[in-house]
Amino acid sequence: MSNVIACIDGSTATNGVVESAAWAASQMSAPLTLLHVIEEGHAAARQDMTGNIGLGSREKLLDELAELDAQKSKLLLEHGHQLLEQAKQKALQQDNVTDVSMRQRHGELVDSLLKLEPETRLLVLGLHGEDHSDGSHIGSQLETVLRRVHKPIMLCPDKFNAPQSAMLAYDASNSTKKSVELLAKSPLFSGMPVHVVMVGADSETNQAELDWARETLEQGGHDVETAIVAGDVEPALHQYQDQHDIGVMIMGAYGHSKIRQFLVGSTTTNMLEASKTPLLILR
């Protein structure tokens, strides 16, 4: 069975990630895997000091450096293990969560996630990485992960509240139509009201597209609200979400449509930094 994979890094978003992932695992009756990656930049780099110091001094110093490397590696592993243990205990406190495993890897985060793709059903990441523990910036690797990992990704703020409703940013593209079909079949938002929102003109064509989305989601058992809103994509979507107190926004990944273009560049950064609720990116 595919897992919900939660990335744990010790940042301020860790609690939100664990609670979000545990909620999702419960909703989907899926196992939860907690992942901690020790990246290469955190490990001590061995230096070639040949020629800089004398032979005897060099051999002694290299031995000392090797010992320090080993100690640092051991400490990083132990620190990661403690983070995972704490996260596991927190996850097991959530309702209907019993199957929780822990994994620790060395290397780059994206490479580790790509290796785990075959067993991933949903990936959960914090909006704010450990380098931005004050919560003021999104994680530095987020854009790379969004571009390269081809699984649904839930991005979480530091504080998680279980959503009572969901909102799909819809543009009638093939990818967002697939998103509608996925939502209709997925247990993740089972029984929740779903709002389908387009940014654009209130035309017969757009209304017909929304009618299709409504019918598809209603067949999946959802109560559905549809809306067409005017304005720039990011503020228009957030305003609608705030007005209707919607717990999670759902979007398609990168592409060329008006909605998906705003996931690239400064608008993405502004939108994610301002987000107070989870954002689910569907592929």
C-alpha atoms as a PDB file:
ATOM      1  CA  MET A   1       0.000   0.000   0.000  1.00  0.00           C
ATOM      2  CA  SER A   2       1.288   3.501  -0.840  1.00  0.00           C
ATOM      3  CA  ASN A   3       2.303   5.685   2.064  1.00  0.00           C
ATOM      4  CA  VAL A   4       1.790   9.208   3.227  1.00  0.00           C
ATOM      5  CA  ILE A   5       5.358  10.519   3.463  1.00  0.00           C
ATOM      6  CA  ALA A   6       5.994  13.330   5.944  1.00  0.00           C
ATOM      7  CA  CYS A   7       9.313  15.203   5.769  1.00  0.00           C
ATOM      8  CA  ILE A   8      10.657  16.025   9.234  1.00  0.00           C
ATOM      9  CA  ASP A   9      13.493  18.545   9.584  1.00  0.00           C
ATOM     10  CA  GLY A  10      13.191  20.072  13.046  1.00  0.00           C
ATOM     11  CA  SER A  11      11.881  23.405  11.737  1.00  0.00           C
ATOM     12  CA  THR A  12       8.926  25.282  13.211  1.00  0.00           C
ATOM     13  CA  ALA A  13       6.732  23.549  10.634  1.00  0.00           C
ATOM     14  CA  THR A  14       7.446  20.060  11.998  1.00  0.00           C
ATOM     15  CA  ASN A  15       4.389  19.861  14.248  1.00  0.00           C
ATOM     16  CA  GLY A  16       2.152  21.078  11.438  1.00  0.00           C
ATOM     17  CA  VAL A  17       3.646  18.532   9.047  1.00  0.00           C
ATOM     18  CA  VAL A  18       3.135  15.650  11.494  1.00  0.00           C
ATOM     19  CA  GLU A  19      -0.445  16.627  12.290  1.00  0.00           C
ATOM     20  CA  SER A  20      -1.290  17.211   8.607  1.00  0.00           C
ATOM     21  CA  ALA A  21       0.245  13.916   7.534  1.00  0.00           C
ATOM     22  CA  ALA A  22      -1.446  12.000  10.353  1.00  0.00           C
ATOM     23  CA  TRP A  23      -4.791  13.534   9.397  1.00  0.00           C
ATOM     24  CA  ALA A  24      -4.269  12.610   5.734  1.00  0.00           C
ATOM     25  CA  ALA A  25      -3.183   9.062   6.607  1.00  0.00           C
ATOM     26  CA  SER A  26      -6.302   8.649   8.723  1.00  0.00           C
ATOM     27  CA  GLN A  27      -8.561  10.005   5.975  1.00  0.00           C
ATOM     28  CA  MET A  28      -7.045   7.667   3.384  1.00  0.00           C
ATOM     29  CA  SER A  29      -6.496   4.665   5.694  1.00  0.00           C
ATOM     30  CA  ALA A  30      -2.864   4.705   4.565  1.00  0.00           C
ATOM     31  CA  PRO A  31       0.386   3.973   6.434  1.00  0.00           C
ATOM     32  CA  LEU A  32       2.378   7.008   7.533  1.00  0.00           C
ATOM     33  CA  THR A  33       6.137   7.214   6.986  1.00  0.00           C
ATOM     34  CA  LEU A  34       8.172   9.892   8.740  1.00  0.00           C
ATOM     35  CA  LEU A  35      11.270  10.833   6.737  1.00  0.00           C
ATOM     36  CA  HIS A  36      14.348  12.705   7.942  1.00  0.00           C
ATOM     37  CA  VAL A  37      17.092  13.480   5.425  1.00  0.00           C
ATOM     38  CA  ILE A  38      20.621  14.418   6.502  1.00  0.00           C
ATOM     39  CA  GLU A  39      21.736  16.523   3.581  1.00  0.00           C
ATOM     40  CA  GLU A  40      25.287  16.693   2.341  1.00  0.00           C
ATOM     41  CA  GLY A  41      25.661  20.331   3.358  1.00  0.00           C
ATOM     42  CA  HIS A  42      25.130  19.355   6.986  1.00  0.00           C
ATOM     43  CA  ALA A  43      27.942  16.814   7.003  1.00  0.00           C
ATOM     44  CA  ALA A  44      31.525  17.800   7.571  1.00  0.00           C
ATOM     45  CA  ALA A  45      33.464  18.149   4.343  1.00  0.00           C
ATOM     46  CA  ARG A  46      36.849  16.423   4.232  1.00  0.00           C
ATOM     47  CA  GLN A  47      39.581  18.774   3.068  1.00  0.00           C
ATOM     48  CA  ASP A  48      42.726  17.885   1.187  1.00  0.00           C
ATOM     49  CA  MET A  49      45.403  19.828   3.039  1.00  0.00           C
ATOM     50  CA  THR A  50      48.357  18.158   1.304  1.00  0.00           C
ATOM     51  CA  GLY A  51      51.087  20.689   0.707  1.00  0.00           C
ATOM     52  CA  ASN A  52      49.709  23.177   3.189  1.00  0.00           C
ATOM     53  CA  ILE A  53      51.323  21.622   6.241  1.00  0.00           C
ATOM     54  CA  GLY A  54      54.188  19.298   7.021  1.00  0.00           C
ATOM     55  CA  LEU A  55      53.861  15.526   6.618  1.00  0.00           C
ATOM     56  CA  GLY A  56      53.786  14.612  10.315  1.00  0.00           C
ATOM     57  CA  SER A  57      51.446  17.451  11.238  1.00  0.00           C
ATOM     58  CA  ARG A  58      49.246  16.649   8.262  1.00  0.00           C
ATOM     59  CA  GLU A  59      48.778  13.007   9.237  1.00  0.00           C
ATOM     60  CA  LYS A  60      47.916  13.927  12.819  1.00  0.00           C
ATOM     61  CA  LEU A  61      45.499  16.632  11.746  1.00  0.00           C
ATOM     62  CA  LEU A  62      43.800  14.415   9.193  1.00  0.00           C
ATOM     63  CA  ASP A  63      43.309  11.760  11.862  1.00  0.00           C
ATOM     64  CA  GLU A  64      41.735  14.368  14.126  1.00  0.00           C
ATOM     65  CA  LEU A  65      39.509  15.637  11.315  1.00  0.00           C
ATOM     66  CA  ALA A  66      38.379  12.098  10.546  1.00  0.00           C
ATOM     67  CA  GLU A  67      37.483  11.610  14.204  1.00  0.00           C
ATOM     68  CA  LEU A  68      35.527  14.879  14.223  1.00  0.00           C
ATOM     69  CA  ASP A  69      33.716  13.846  11.022  1.00  0.00           C
ATOM     70  CA  ALA A  70      32.704  10.565  12.605  1.00  0.00           C
ATOM     71  CA  GLN A  71      31.505  12.321  15.764  1.00  0.00           C
ATOM     72  CA  LYS A  72      29.489  14.862  13.804  1.00  0.00           C
ATOM     73  CA  SER A  73      27.932  12.164  11.652  1.00  0.00           C
ATOM     74  CA  LYS A  74      26.984  10.208  14.756  1.00  0.00           C
ATOM     75  CA  LEU A  75      25.452  13.307  16.365  1.00  0.00           C
ATOM     76  CA  LEU A  76      23.455  14.135  13.231  1.00  0.00           C
ATOM     77  CA  LEU A  77      22.101  10.597  13.102  1.00  0.00           C
ATOM     78  CA  GLU A  78      21.154  10.683  16.765  1.00  0.00           C
ATOM     79  CA  HIS A  79      19.524  14.094  16.406  1.00  0.00           C
ATOM     80  CA  GLY A  80      17.507  12.854  13.431  1.00  0.00           C
ATOM     81  CA  HIS A  81      16.474   9.734  15.318  1.00  0.00           C
ATOM     82  CA  GLN A  82      15.228  11.838  18.219  1.00  0.00           C
ATOM     83  CA  LEU A  83      13.257  14.079  15.847  1.00  0.00           C
ATOM     84  CA  LEU A  84      11.658  11.027  14.274  1.00  0.00           C
ATOM     85  CA  GLU A  85      10.821   9.437  17.620  1.00  0.00           C
ATOM     86  CA  GLN A  86       9.155  12.619  18.847  1.00  0.00           C
ATOM     87  CA  ALA A  87       7.242  12.955  15.588  1.00  0.00           C
ATOM     88  CA  LYS A  88       6.109   9.323  15.764  1.00  0.00           C
ATOM     89  CA  GLN A  89       4.733   9.763  19.270  1.00  0.00           C
ATOM     90  CA  LYS A  90       2.862  12.871  18.163  1.00  0.00           C
ATOM     91  CA  ALA A  91       1.445  11.097  15.118  1.00  0.00           C
ATOM     92  CA  LEU A  92       0.229   8.167  17.192  1.00  0.00           C
ATOM     93  CA  GLN A  93      -1.718  10.594  19.373  1.00  0.00           C
ATOM     94  CA  GLN A  94      -3.882  11.550  16.391  1.00  0.00           C
ATOM     95  CA  ASP A  95      -7.198   9.799  15.790  1.00  0.00           C
ATOM     96  CA  ASN A  96      -7.138   6.510  13.863  1.00  0.00           C
ATOM     97  CA  VAL A  97      -3.360   6.541  13.286  1.00  0.00           C
ATOM     98  CA  THR A  98      -1.668   3.250  14.179  1.00  0.00           C
ATOM     99  CA  ASP A  99       0.722   2.410  11.308  1.00  0.00           C
ATOM    100  CA  VAL A 100       3.717   4.769  11.592  1.00  0.00           C
ATOM    101  CA  SER A 101       7.246   3.989  10.409  1.00  0.00           C
ATOM    102  CA  MET A 102      10.459   6.031  10.450  1.00  0.00           C
ATOM    103  CA  ARG A 103      13.161   6.383   7.816  1.00  0.00           C
ATOM    104  CA  GLN A 104      16.424   8.283   7.814  1.00  0.00           C
ATOM    105  CA  ARG A 105      18.518   8.967   4.721  1.00  0.00           C
ATOM    106  CA  HIS A 106      21.727  10.740   3.745  1.00  0.00           C
ATOM    107  CA  GLY A 107      21.829  12.883   0.620  1.00  0.00           C
ATOM    108  CA  GLU A 108      19.770  15.548  -1.096  1.00  0.00           C
ATOM    109  CA  LEU A 109      16.098  15.884  -0.146  1.00  0.00           C
ATOM    110  CA  VAL A 110      14.813  15.807  -3.722  1.00  0.00           C
ATOM    111  CA  ASP A 111      16.876  12.724  -4.596  1.00  0.00           C
ATOM    112  CA  SER A 112      15.552  10.931  -1.514  1.00  0.00           C
ATOM    113  CA  LEU A 113      11.957  11.822  -2.407  1.00  0.00           C
ATOM    114  CA  LEU A 114      12.398  10.645  -5.996  1.00  0.00           C
ATOM    115  CA  LYS A 115      13.662   7.265  -4.769  1.00  0.00           C
ATOM    116  CA  LEU A 116      10.569   6.954  -2.564  1.00  0.00           C
ATOM    117  CA  GLU A 117       8.117   7.970  -5.317  1.00  0.00           C
ATOM    118  CA  PRO A 118       6.999   4.392  -6.133  1.00  0.00           C
ATOM    119  CA  GLU A 119       5.714   3.953  -2.573  1.00  0.00           C
ATOM    120  CA  THR A 120       4.386   7.493  -2.126  1.00  0.00           C
ATOM    121  CA  ARG A 121       0.685   8.282  -2.215  1.00  0.00           C
ATOM    122  CA  LEU A 122       0.921  11.761  -0.734  1.00  0.00           C
ATOM    123  CA  LEU A 123       3.959  13.842   0.218  1.00  0.00           C
ATOM    124  CA  VAL A 124       3.650  16.299   3.101  1.00  0.00           C
ATOM    125  CA  LEU A 125       6.109  19.187   3.493  1.00  0.00           C
ATOM    126  CA  GLY A 126       6.301  22.309   5.626  1.00  0.00           C
ATOM    127  CA  LEU A 127       6.032  25.686   3.972  1.00  0.00           C
ATOM    128  CA  HIS A 128       8.927  26.922   6.097  1.00  0.00           C
ATOM    129  CA  GLY A 129      12.185  24.992   6.112  1.00  0.00           C
ATOM    130  CA  GLU A 130      14.652  24.720   8.977  1.00  0.00           C
ATOM    131  CA  ASP A 131      16.695  27.611   7.574  1.00  0.00           C
ATOM    132  CA  HIS A 132      13.660  29.870   8.112  1.00  0.00           C
ATOM    133  CA  SER A 133      12.592  28.909  11.593  1.00  0.00           C
ATOM    134  CA  ASP A 134      10.978  32.289  12.165  1.00  0.00           C
ATOM    135  CA  GLY A 135       8.301  31.297   9.630  1.00  0.00           C
ATOM    136  CA  SER A 136       8.978  34.313   7.416  1.00  0.00           C
ATOM    137  CA  HIS A 137      10.095  32.469   4.284  1.00  0.00           C
ATOM    138  CA  ILE A 138       9.115  29.340   2.433  1.00  0.00           C
ATOM    139  CA  GLY A 139      11.479  26.401   2.397  1.00  0.00           C
ATOM    140  CA  SER A 140      14.400  26.968   0.050  1.00  0.00           C
ATOM    141  CA  GLN A 141      13.934  23.647  -1.797  1.00  0.00           C
ATOM    142  CA  LEU A 142      10.190  23.879  -2.235  1.00  0.00           C
ATOM    143  CA  GLU A 143      10.151  24.948  -5.878  1.00  0.00           C
ATOM    144  CA  THR A 144      12.569  22.170  -6.849  1.00  0.00           C
ATOM    145  CA  VAL A 145      10.434  19.564  -5.100  1.00  0.00           C
ATOM    146  CA  LEU A 146       7.264  20.873  -6.772  1.00  0.00           C
ATOM    147  CA  ARG A 147       8.861  20.664 -10.198  1.00  0.00           C
ATOM    148  CA  ARG A 148      10.514  17.255  -9.892  1.00  0.00           C
ATOM    149  CA  VAL A 149       8.307  15.107  -7.667  1.00  0.00           C
ATOM    150  CA  HIS A 150       5.311  13.744  -9.539  1.00  0.00           C
ATOM    151  CA  LYS A 151       3.064  12.871  -6.623  1.00  0.00           C
ATOM    152  CA  PRO A 152       0.423  14.945  -4.823  1.00  0.00           C
ATOM    153  CA  ILE A 153       2.114  17.316  -2.380  1.00  0.00           C
ATOM    154  CA  MET A 154       0.519  18.916   0.656  1.00  0.00           C
ATOM    155  CA  LEU A 155       2.300  22.049   1.874  1.00  0.00           C
ATOM    156  CA  CYS A 156       1.576  22.948   5.484  1.00  0.00           C
ATOM    157  CA  PRO A 157       1.961  26.063   7.609  1.00  0.00           C
ATOM    158  CA  ASP A 158       3.369  25.784  11.100  1.00  0.00           C
ATOM    159  CA  LYS A 159      -0.065  25.320  12.685  1.00  0.00           C
ATOM    160  CA  PHE A 160      -2.506  22.737  11.347  1.00  0.00           C
ATOM    161  CA  ASN A 161      -6.269  22.707  11.767  1.00  0.00           C
ATOM    162  CA  ALA A 162      -8.144  19.799  10.226  1.00  0.00           C
ATOM    163  CA  PRO A 163     -10.033  21.233   7.239  1.00  0.00           C
ATOM    164  CA  GLN A 164     -13.815  21.115   7.164  1.00  0.00           C
ATOM    165  CA  SER A 165     -14.043  22.203   3.525  1.00  0.00           C
ATOM    166  CA  ALA A 166     -11.825  22.362   0.453  1.00  0.00           C
ATOM    167  CA  MET A 167     -11.412  24.674  -2.518  1.00  0.00           C
ATOM    168  CA  LEU A 168     -10.181  23.773  -5.995  1.00  0.00           C
ATOM    169  CA  ALA A 169      -8.651  26.503  -8.148  1.00  0.00           C
ATOM    170  CA  TYR A 170     -10.040  25.498 -11.532  1.00  0.00           C
ATOM    171  CA  ASP A 171      -9.196  26.704 -15.040  1.00  0.00           C
ATOM    172  CA  ALA A 172     -10.812  23.990 -17.222  1.00  0.00           C
ATOM    173  CA  SER A 173      -7.409  22.758 -18.414  1.00  0.00           C
ATOM    174  CA  ASN A 174      -6.825  19.040 -18.832  1.00  0.00           C
ATOM    175  CA  SER A 175      -4.748  18.934 -15.657  1.00  0.00           C
ATOM    176  CA  THR A 176      -7.390  20.601 -13.507  1.00  0.00           C
ATOM    177  CA  LYS A 177     -10.079  18.364 -15.007  1.00  0.00           C
ATOM    178  CA  LYS A 178      -7.956  15.420 -13.888  1.00  0.00           C
ATOM    179  CA  SER A 179      -7.804  17.080 -10.479  1.00  0.00           C
ATOM    180  CA  VAL A 180     -11.600  17.149 -10.341  1.00  0.00           C
ATOM    181  CA  GLU A 181     -11.737  13.450 -11.208  1.00  0.00           C
ATOM    182  CA  LEU A 182      -9.092  12.633  -8.588  1.00  0.00           C
ATOM    183  CA  LEU A 183     -10.975  14.550  -5.915  1.00  0.00           C
ATOM    184  CA  ALA A 184     -14.218  12.812  -6.794  1.00  0.00           C
ATOM    185  CA  LYS A 185     -12.595   9.440  -6.126  1.00  0.00           C
ATOM    186  CA  SER A 186     -10.230  10.329  -3.290  1.00  0.00           C
ATOM    187  CA  PRO A 187     -11.106   9.644   0.362  1.00  0.00           C
ATOM    188  CA  LEU A 188      -8.920  12.577   1.461  1.00  0.00           C
ATOM    189  CA  PHE A 189     -11.825  15.018   1.462  1.00  0.00           C
ATOM    190  CA  SER A 190     -14.599  12.475   1.777  1.00  0.00           C
ATOM    191  CA  GLY A 191     -17.876  14.038   2.839  1.00  0.00           C
ATOM    192  CA  MET A 192     -16.531  17.585   2.776  1.00  0.00           C
ATOM    193  CA  PRO A 193     -18.027  20.496   0.869  1.00  0.00           C
ATOM    194  CA  VAL A 194     -15.854  21.400  -2.118  1.00  0.00           C
ATOM    195  CA  HIS A 195     -15.753  24.855  -3.695  1.00  0.00           C
ATOM    196  CA  VAL A 196     -14.684  25.010  -7.349  1.00  0.00           C
ATOM    197  CA  VAL A 197     -13.465  28.506  -8.193  1.00  0.00           C
ATOM    198  CA  MET A 198     -12.456  30.019 -11.529  1.00  0.00           C
ATOM    199  CA  VAL A 199     -10.685  33.347 -11.989  1.00  0.00           C
ATOM    200  CA  GLY A 200     -11.925  34.961 -15.185  1.00  0.00           C
ATOM    201  CA  ALA A 201     -14.971  36.095 -17.115  1.00  0.00           C
ATOM    202  CA  ASP A 202     -18.485  35.040 -16.147  1.00  0.00           C
ATOM    203  CA  SER A 203     -19.182  33.490 -19.541  1.00  0.00           C
ATOM    204  CA  GLU A 204     -21.409  30.663 -20.722  1.00  0.00           C
ATOM    205  CA  THR A 205     -18.314  28.623 -21.539  1.00  0.00           C
ATOM    206  CA  ASN A 206     -16.889  28.978 -18.052  1.00  0.00           C
ATOM    207  CA  GLN A 207     -20.265  28.269 -16.451  1.00  0.00           C
ATOM    208  CA  ALA A 208     -20.546  25.084 -18.521  1.00  0.00           C
ATOM    209  CA  GLU A 209     -17.086  24.002 -17.343  1.00  0.00           C
ATOM    210  CA  LEU A 210     -18.094  24.605 -13.731  1.00  0.00           C
ATOM    211  CA  ASP A 211     -21.296  22.626 -14.248  1.00  0.00           C
ATOM    212  CA  TRP A 212     -19.223  19.651 -15.406  1.00  0.00           C
ATOM    213  CA  ALA A 213     -16.948  19.948 -12.366  1.00  0.00           C
ATOM    214  CA  ARG A 214     -19.968  20.160 -10.069  1.00  0.00           C
ATOM    215  CA  GLU A 215     -21.615  17.073 -11.542  1.00  0.00           C
ATOM    216  CA  THR A 216     -18.380  15.058 -11.364  1.00  0.00           C
ATOM    217  CA  LEU A 217     -17.768  15.932  -7.727  1.00  0.00           C
ATOM    218  CA  GLU A 218     -21.402  15.392  -6.747  1.00  0.00           C
ATOM    219  CA  GLN A 219     -21.166  11.899  -8.175  1.00  0.00           C
ATOM    220  CA  GLY A 220     -18.285  11.399  -5.759  1.00  0.00           C
ATOM    221  CA  GLY A 221     -20.515  12.328  -2.832  1.00  0.00           C
ATOM    222  CA  HIS A 222     -19.478  15.960  -2.315  1.00  0.00           C
ATOM    223  CA  ASP A 223     -21.611  18.996  -1.714  1.00  0.00           C
ATOM    224  CA  VAL A 224     -20.321  21.457  -4.302  1.00  0.00           C
ATOM    225  CA  GLU A 225     -20.281  25.227  -4.617  1.00  0.00           C
ATOM    226  CA  THR A 226     -19.008  26.881  -7.794  1.00  0.00           C
ATOM    227  CA  ALA A 227     -17.934  30.459  -8.382  1.00  0.00           C
ATOM    228  CA  ILE A 228     -16.316  32.709 -10.942  1.00  0.00           C
ATOM    229  CA  VAL A 229     -14.300  35.573  -9.481  1.00  0.00           C
ATOM    230  CA  ALA A 230     -12.586  38.527 -11.120  1.00  0.00           C
ATOM    231  CA  GLY A 231      -9.164  39.982 -10.493  1.00  0.00           C
ATOM    232  CA  ASP A 232      -5.578  38.818 -10.208  1.00  0.00           C
ATOM    233  CA  VAL A 233      -5.320  35.125  -9.479  1.00  0.00           C
ATOM    234  CA  GLU A 234      -3.547  35.035  -6.119  1.00  0.00           C
ATOM    235  CA  PRO A 235      -5.491  37.734  -4.242  1.00  0.00           C
ATOM    236  CA  ALA A 236      -8.802  36.683  -5.817  1.00  0.00           C
ATOM    237  CA  LEU A 237      -8.382  33.072  -4.693  1.00  0.00           C
ATOM    238  CA  HIS A 238      -7.231  34.008  -1.207  1.00  0.00           C
ATOM    239  CA  GLN A 239     -10.067  36.479  -0.796  1.00  0.00           C
ATOM    240  CA  TYR A 240     -12.614  33.831  -1.732  1.00  0.00           C
ATOM    241  CA  GLN A 241     -10.976  31.335   0.615  1.00  0.00           C
ATOM    242  CA  ASP A 242     -11.032  33.808   3.504  1.00  0.00           C
ATOM    243  CA  GLN A 243     -14.626  34.853   2.879  1.00  0.00           C
ATOM    244  CA  HIS A 244     -15.842  31.243   2.970  1.00  0.00           C
ATOM    245  CA  ASP A 245     -13.480  30.039   5.729  1.00  0.00           C
ATOM    246  CA  ILE A 246     -12.107  27.209   3.561  1.00  0.00           C
ATOM    247  CA  GLY A 247      -9.564  24.946   5.244  1.00  0.00           C
ATOM    248  CA  VAL A 248      -7.415  23.875   2.295  1.00  0.00           C
ATOM    249  CA  MET A 249      -6.735  25.100  -1.241  1.00  0.00           C
ATOM    250  CA  ILE A 250      -6.152  22.583  -4.052  1.00  0.00           C
ATOM    251  CA  MET A 251      -4.271  23.435  -7.232  1.00  0.00           C
ATOM    252  CA  GLY A 252      -2.701  21.820 -10.253  1.00  0.00           C
ATOM    253  CA  ALA A 253       1.049  21.877 -10.673  1.00  0.00           C
ATOM    254  CA  TYR A 254       3.135  23.873 -13.136  1.00  0.00           C
ATOM    255  CA  GLY A 255       1.777  24.618 -16.573  1.00  0.00           C
ATOM    256  CA  HIS A 256       0.851  27.426 -18.914  1.00  0.00           C
ATOM    257  CA  SER A 257      -2.625  28.419 -17.809  1.00  0.00           C
ATOM    258  CA  LYS A 258      -3.337  31.645 -15.934  1.00  0.00           C
ATOM    259  CA  ILE A 259      -3.808  29.859 -12.621  1.00  0.00           C
ATOM    260  CA  ARG A 260      -0.815  27.564 -12.872  1.00  0.00           C
ATOM    261  CA  GLN A 261       1.534  30.297 -14.040  1.00  0.00           C
ATOM    262  CA  PHE A 262       1.264  32.000 -10.675  1.00  0.00           C
ATOM    263  CA  LEU A 263       3.015  28.992  -9.124  1.00  0.00           C
ATOM    264  CA  VAL A 264       6.207  30.268 -10.739  1.00  0.00           C
ATOM    265  CA  GLY A 265       8.313  33.136  -9.441  1.00  0.00           C
ATOM    266  CA  SER A 266       7.570  35.904  -6.988  1.00  0.00           C
ATOM    267  CA  THR A 267       3.802  35.382  -6.946  1.00  0.00           C
ATOM    268  CA  THR A 268       4.341  31.838  -5.710  1.00  0.00           C
ATOM    269  CA  THR A 269       6.577  33.085  -2.937  1.00  0.00           C
ATOM    270  CA  ASN A 270       4.097  35.752  -1.869  1.00  0.00           C
ATOM    271  CA  MET A 271       1.185  33.341  -1.970  1.00  0.00           C
ATOM    272  CA  LEU A 272       2.909  30.586  -0.009  1.00  0.00           C
ATOM    273  CA  GLU A 273       4.367  32.937   2.581  1.00  0.00           C
ATOM    274  CA  ALA A 274       0.896  34.400   3.175  1.00  0.00           C
ATOM    275  CA  SER A 275      -0.834  31.031   3.354  1.00  0.00           C
ATOM    276  CA  LYS A 276      -2.339  30.160   6.722  1.00  0.00           C
ATOM    277  CA  THR A 277      -3.876  26.880   5.572  1.00  0.00           C
ATOM    278  CA  PRO A 278      -2.536  23.804   3.775  1.00  0.00           C
ATOM    279  CA  LEU A 279      -2.112  23.899   0.012  1.00  0.00           C
ATOM    280  CA  LEU A 280      -2.512  20.640  -1.918  1.00  0.00           C
ATOM    281  CA  ILE A 281      -0.687  20.450  -5.268  1.00  0.00           C
ATOM    282  CA  LEU A 282      -2.001  17.760  -7.614  1.00  0.00           C
ATOM    283  CA  ARG A 283      -0.027  16.331 -10.526  1.00  0.00           C
END
